[in-house]
Amino acid sequence: FLFDEPLSNLDAALRSEMRVEISKLHKKLKSNIVYVTHDQIEAMTLADRIVIMNNGKIEQYGSPEEIYNNPKNIFVAEFIGNPKMNILKIKNQDIVNKNTFKILDKEIKFEDSNFDKEFYIGIRPEDISLEKNNEIAININVELIENLGSEKIIYTHLNGTEMRIKSNKHVKDKQITIYLPKNKLYLFDNNKNRLKT
C-alpha cells in the first residue's frame, strides 16, 4: 500500500476511519502488509508485529502487547504510550543499598537486584493511581490539569523531572497524594537498557 499523504497528516476522525478500513482489508486479504508510520496509534491498532527503529537501527520487534508491556529500553518505552512513559533518574545519593532506592525519601526495595550505580525507573501515566491501593504513596503539587473529557492529564514534577498522571478522577486540590504500584515500575540501567526484575 502506498499513501500519498501519511495518515498522521489527516484529520483525526478520518485517520480513525482509515485505520478501521485498512484493518478490515488486511483481514479480508489474509496477506502480509508492510506499513511504515511514525504514528504509534496506527502501529498499535493495525499491526500484528511492530518493528521500532531508531536512526536505522532496530530497537525492538514484537507484538503490540509485547512492545507496550516489555520495552527493551527507554527509547521504546517512551515511544509507545500516550502520554509517554514517565522516566526518573535515580542518582547515587538515592541508592540506599544493592536492592533499595529512594524517591522523595520513600524507600523502594527490589529483591534480587543490584543497584550499584545510577539508573532509571519508568512508570506509565495510567499506572499511577489517585486511590490508596498501592504501597508507595507520594505527595505532589498539581501544576496543570488537561481536561480531556473522560480523562485528565495531571502534570507535576518529581526530583526535577516532569511527571504526567492519567486519571478519570476529578481533581480540585493543588496538593494530592499519588500511589505507585511497585509491580508497574520499569527499571533501566545507566545505558537506558531494561533491567530484569
Protein backbone atom coordinates (compact mmCIF):
# COMPACT_ATOMS: atom_id res chain seq x y z
CA PHE A 1 0.00 0.00 0.00
CA LEU A 2 1.26 3.45 -0.85
CA PHE A 3 -0.42 6.57 0.52
CA ASP A 4 0.22 9.98 -0.99
CA GLU A 5 -0.32 11.55 2.42
CA PRO A 6 0.63 9.94 5.74
CA LEU A 7 -2.35 9.19 7.97
CA SER A 8 -0.71 11.36 10.62
CA ASN A 9 -1.36 14.44 8.42
CA LEU A 10 -5.05 13.74 8.07
CA ASP A 11 -7.97 14.76 10.27
CA ALA A 12 -8.24 12.60 13.42
CA ALA A 13 -11.71 11.26 12.58
CA LEU A 14 -10.65 10.41 9.02
CA ARG A 15 -7.49 8.70 10.34
CA SER A 16 -9.61 6.56 12.63
CA GLU A 17 -11.92 5.54 9.75
CA MET A 18 -8.94 4.74 7.54
CA ARG A 19 -7.37 2.58 10.27
CA VAL A 20 -10.59 0.59 10.53
CA GLU A 21 -10.81 0.14 6.74
CA ILE A 22 -7.15 -0.88 6.43
CA SER A 23 -7.61 -3.38 9.27
CA LYS A 24 -10.71 -4.86 7.59
CA LEU A 25 -8.88 -5.08 4.26
CA HIS A 26 -5.93 -6.80 5.91
CA LYS A 27 -8.21 -9.44 7.46
CA LYS A 28 -10.09 -9.91 4.17
CA LEU A 29 -6.96 -10.31 2.00
CA LYS A 30 -5.22 -12.57 4.54
CA SER A 31 -1.86 -11.43 3.23
CA ASN A 32 1.18 -9.73 4.71
CA ILE A 33 1.24 -5.95 4.61
CA VAL A 34 4.25 -3.80 5.47
CA TYR A 35 3.09 -0.42 6.74
CA VAL A 36 5.53 2.34 7.69
CA THR A 37 4.33 5.04 10.08
CA HIS A 38 5.54 7.49 12.71
CA ASP A 39 2.11 7.34 14.37
CA GLN A 40 2.13 4.95 17.34
CA ILE A 41 -1.69 4.67 17.35
CA GLU A 42 -1.59 3.39 13.78
CA ALA A 43 1.18 0.94 14.69
CA MET A 44 -0.59 -0.37 17.79
CA THR A 45 -4.02 -0.72 16.18
CA LEU A 46 -3.04 -2.06 12.74
CA ALA A 47 -0.07 -4.32 13.43
CA ASP A 48 0.29 -7.95 14.36
CA ARG A 49 4.03 -7.29 14.72
CA ILE A 50 5.81 -3.97 15.19
CA VAL A 51 9.43 -3.10 14.40
CA ILE A 52 10.58 0.01 16.25
CA MET A 53 13.53 1.70 14.57
CA ASN A 54 15.83 4.48 15.74
CA ASN A 55 18.15 6.06 13.17
CA GLY A 56 18.00 2.93 11.00
CA LYS A 57 18.66 0.56 13.91
CA ILE A 58 16.05 -1.95 15.08
CA GLU A 59 15.39 -1.29 18.77
CA GLN A 60 12.69 -3.94 19.29
CA TYR A 61 10.45 -6.32 17.38
CA GLY A 62 7.27 -7.91 18.72
CA SER A 63 3.52 -7.78 19.08
CA PRO A 64 1.89 -4.50 20.20
CA GLU A 65 1.34 -6.03 23.66
CA GLU A 66 4.98 -7.14 23.98
CA ILE A 67 6.26 -3.74 22.89
CA TYR A 68 3.95 -1.90 25.32
CA ASN A 69 4.38 -4.19 28.34
CA ASN A 70 8.04 -5.18 27.93
CA PRO A 71 10.03 -2.38 26.32
CA LYS A 72 13.72 -3.31 25.92
CA ASN A 73 14.98 0.22 26.55
CA ILE A 74 13.92 3.78 27.35
CA PHE A 75 13.63 4.75 23.66
CA VAL A 76 10.95 2.09 23.09
CA ALA A 77 9.30 2.76 26.47
CA GLU A 78 8.83 6.45 25.66
CA PHE A 79 7.90 5.85 22.02
CA ILE A 80 4.83 3.71 22.77
CA GLY A 81 2.13 5.16 25.04
CA ASN A 82 0.23 8.42 25.18
CA PRO A 83 1.24 10.32 27.22
CA LYS A 84 4.69 8.76 27.10
CA MET A 85 6.16 6.80 29.99
CA ASN A 86 7.49 8.87 32.91
CA ILE A 87 11.23 8.33 33.38
CA LEU A 88 13.06 9.32 36.58
CA LYS A 89 16.80 9.14 37.12
CA ILE A 90 17.85 7.51 40.40
CA LYS A 91 21.15 9.10 41.38
CA ASN A 92 23.86 7.58 43.53
CA GLN A 93 22.72 9.50 46.60
CA ASP A 94 19.24 7.94 46.21
CA ILE A 95 20.62 4.37 46.34
CA VAL A 96 20.31 3.02 49.90
CA ASN A 97 21.86 -0.41 49.24
CA LYS A 98 22.08 -3.03 46.49
CA ASN A 99 18.32 -3.64 46.43
CA THR A 100 16.80 -0.41 47.83
CA PHE A 101 16.49 3.13 46.48
CA LYS A 102 14.59 6.27 47.45
CA ILE A 103 12.14 8.60 45.72
CA LEU A 104 11.49 11.70 47.82
CA ASP A 105 12.55 9.84 50.99
CA LYS A 106 10.27 6.87 50.21
CA GLU A 107 12.32 3.68 50.20
CA ILE A 108 11.54 1.13 47.49
CA LYS A 109 13.00 -2.36 47.73
CA PHE A 110 13.50 -4.86 44.90
CA GLU A 111 14.76 -8.27 45.97
CA ASP A 112 17.47 -9.88 43.82
CA SER A 113 18.56 -6.50 42.45
CA ASN A 114 21.99 -4.93 42.43
CA PHE A 115 21.75 -1.15 42.45
CA ASP A 116 25.45 -0.27 42.35
CA LYS A 117 25.29 2.87 40.19
CA GLU A 118 22.82 5.40 38.82
CA PHE A 119 19.84 4.01 36.92
CA TYR A 120 16.38 4.95 35.74
CA ILE A 121 12.85 3.98 36.70
CA GLY A 122 9.81 4.32 34.48
CA ILE A 123 6.08 4.27 35.11
CA ARG A 124 3.25 4.79 32.67
CA PRO A 125 0.90 7.72 33.42
CA GLU A 126 -2.11 5.39 33.51
CA ASP A 127 -0.43 3.18 36.14
CA ILE A 128 -0.23 5.98 38.71
CA SER A 129 -3.29 5.94 40.96
CA LEU A 130 -5.06 8.63 42.98
CA GLU A 131 -6.66 5.99 45.19
CA LYS A 132 -4.94 4.43 48.20
CA ASN A 133 -4.45 0.99 46.72
CA ASN A 134 -0.68 0.76 46.32
CA GLU A 135 2.29 0.63 48.64
CA ILE A 136 4.21 3.74 47.50
CA ALA A 137 2.47 7.00 48.45
CA ILE A 138 3.96 10.34 47.36
CA ASN A 139 2.58 13.84 47.95
CA ILE A 140 2.76 16.10 44.91
CA ASN A 141 1.88 19.63 43.86
CA VAL A 142 -0.52 19.78 40.93
CA GLU A 143 0.90 22.18 38.34
CA LEU A 144 -1.55 21.73 35.48
CA ILE A 145 -4.57 19.62 34.58
CA GLU A 146 -5.51 18.90 30.97
CA ASN A 147 -9.20 18.06 30.85
CA LEU A 148 -9.81 15.57 28.02
CA GLY A 149 -13.41 14.87 28.99
CA SER A 150 -13.46 11.32 30.35
CA GLU A 151 -9.77 11.55 31.25
CA LYS A 152 -7.49 14.11 32.87
CA ILE A 153 -3.74 14.50 32.43
CA ILE A 154 -2.21 15.85 35.64
CA TYR A 155 1.25 17.45 35.48
CA THR A 156 3.73 17.66 38.35
CA HIS A 157 7.48 17.38 38.98
CA LEU A 158 9.38 14.72 40.94
CA ASN A 159 13.13 15.09 41.54
CA GLY A 160 13.17 17.91 38.98
CA THR A 161 11.56 15.75 36.27
CA GLU A 162 8.13 16.40 34.78
CA MET A 163 5.62 13.65 35.56
CA ARG A 164 2.29 13.00 33.87
CA ILE A 165 -0.59 11.16 35.53
CA LYS A 166 -3.59 9.91 33.55
CA SER A 167 -6.79 9.59 35.57
CA ASN A 168 -10.57 9.73 35.25
CA LYS A 169 -10.85 11.24 38.74
CA HIS A 170 -11.90 14.85 39.31
CA VAL A 171 -9.03 16.77 40.95
CA LYS A 172 -9.59 20.16 42.54
CA ASP A 173 -6.83 20.35 45.17
CA LYS A 174 -3.40 21.78 44.42
CA GLN A 175 -1.73 19.15 46.62
CA ILE A 176 -2.67 15.49 46.27
CA THR A 177 -1.27 12.06 47.08
CA ILE A 178 -0.41 9.68 44.26
CA TYR A 179 0.21 5.94 44.60
CA LEU A 180 2.77 3.98 42.61
CA PRO A 181 2.33 0.21 42.25
CA LYS A 182 5.76 -1.38 42.63
CA ASN A 183 4.88 -4.10 40.11
CA LYS A 184 4.31 -1.42 37.46
CA LEU A 185 7.75 0.18 37.83
CA TYR A 186 10.19 -0.41 34.97
CA LEU A 187 13.91 -0.41 35.78
CA PHE A 188 16.55 0.68 33.25
CA ASP A 189 20.32 0.72 33.66
CA ASN A 190 22.59 3.73 33.22
CA ASN A 191 22.79 2.93 29.47
CA LYS A 192 18.97 3.10 29.33
CA ASN A 193 18.52 -0.63 28.71
CA ARG A 194 15.92 -2.63 30.61
CA LEU A 195 16.95 -4.33 33.84
CA LYS A 196 15.39 -7.68 34.69
CA THR A 197 13.34 -7.61 37.91
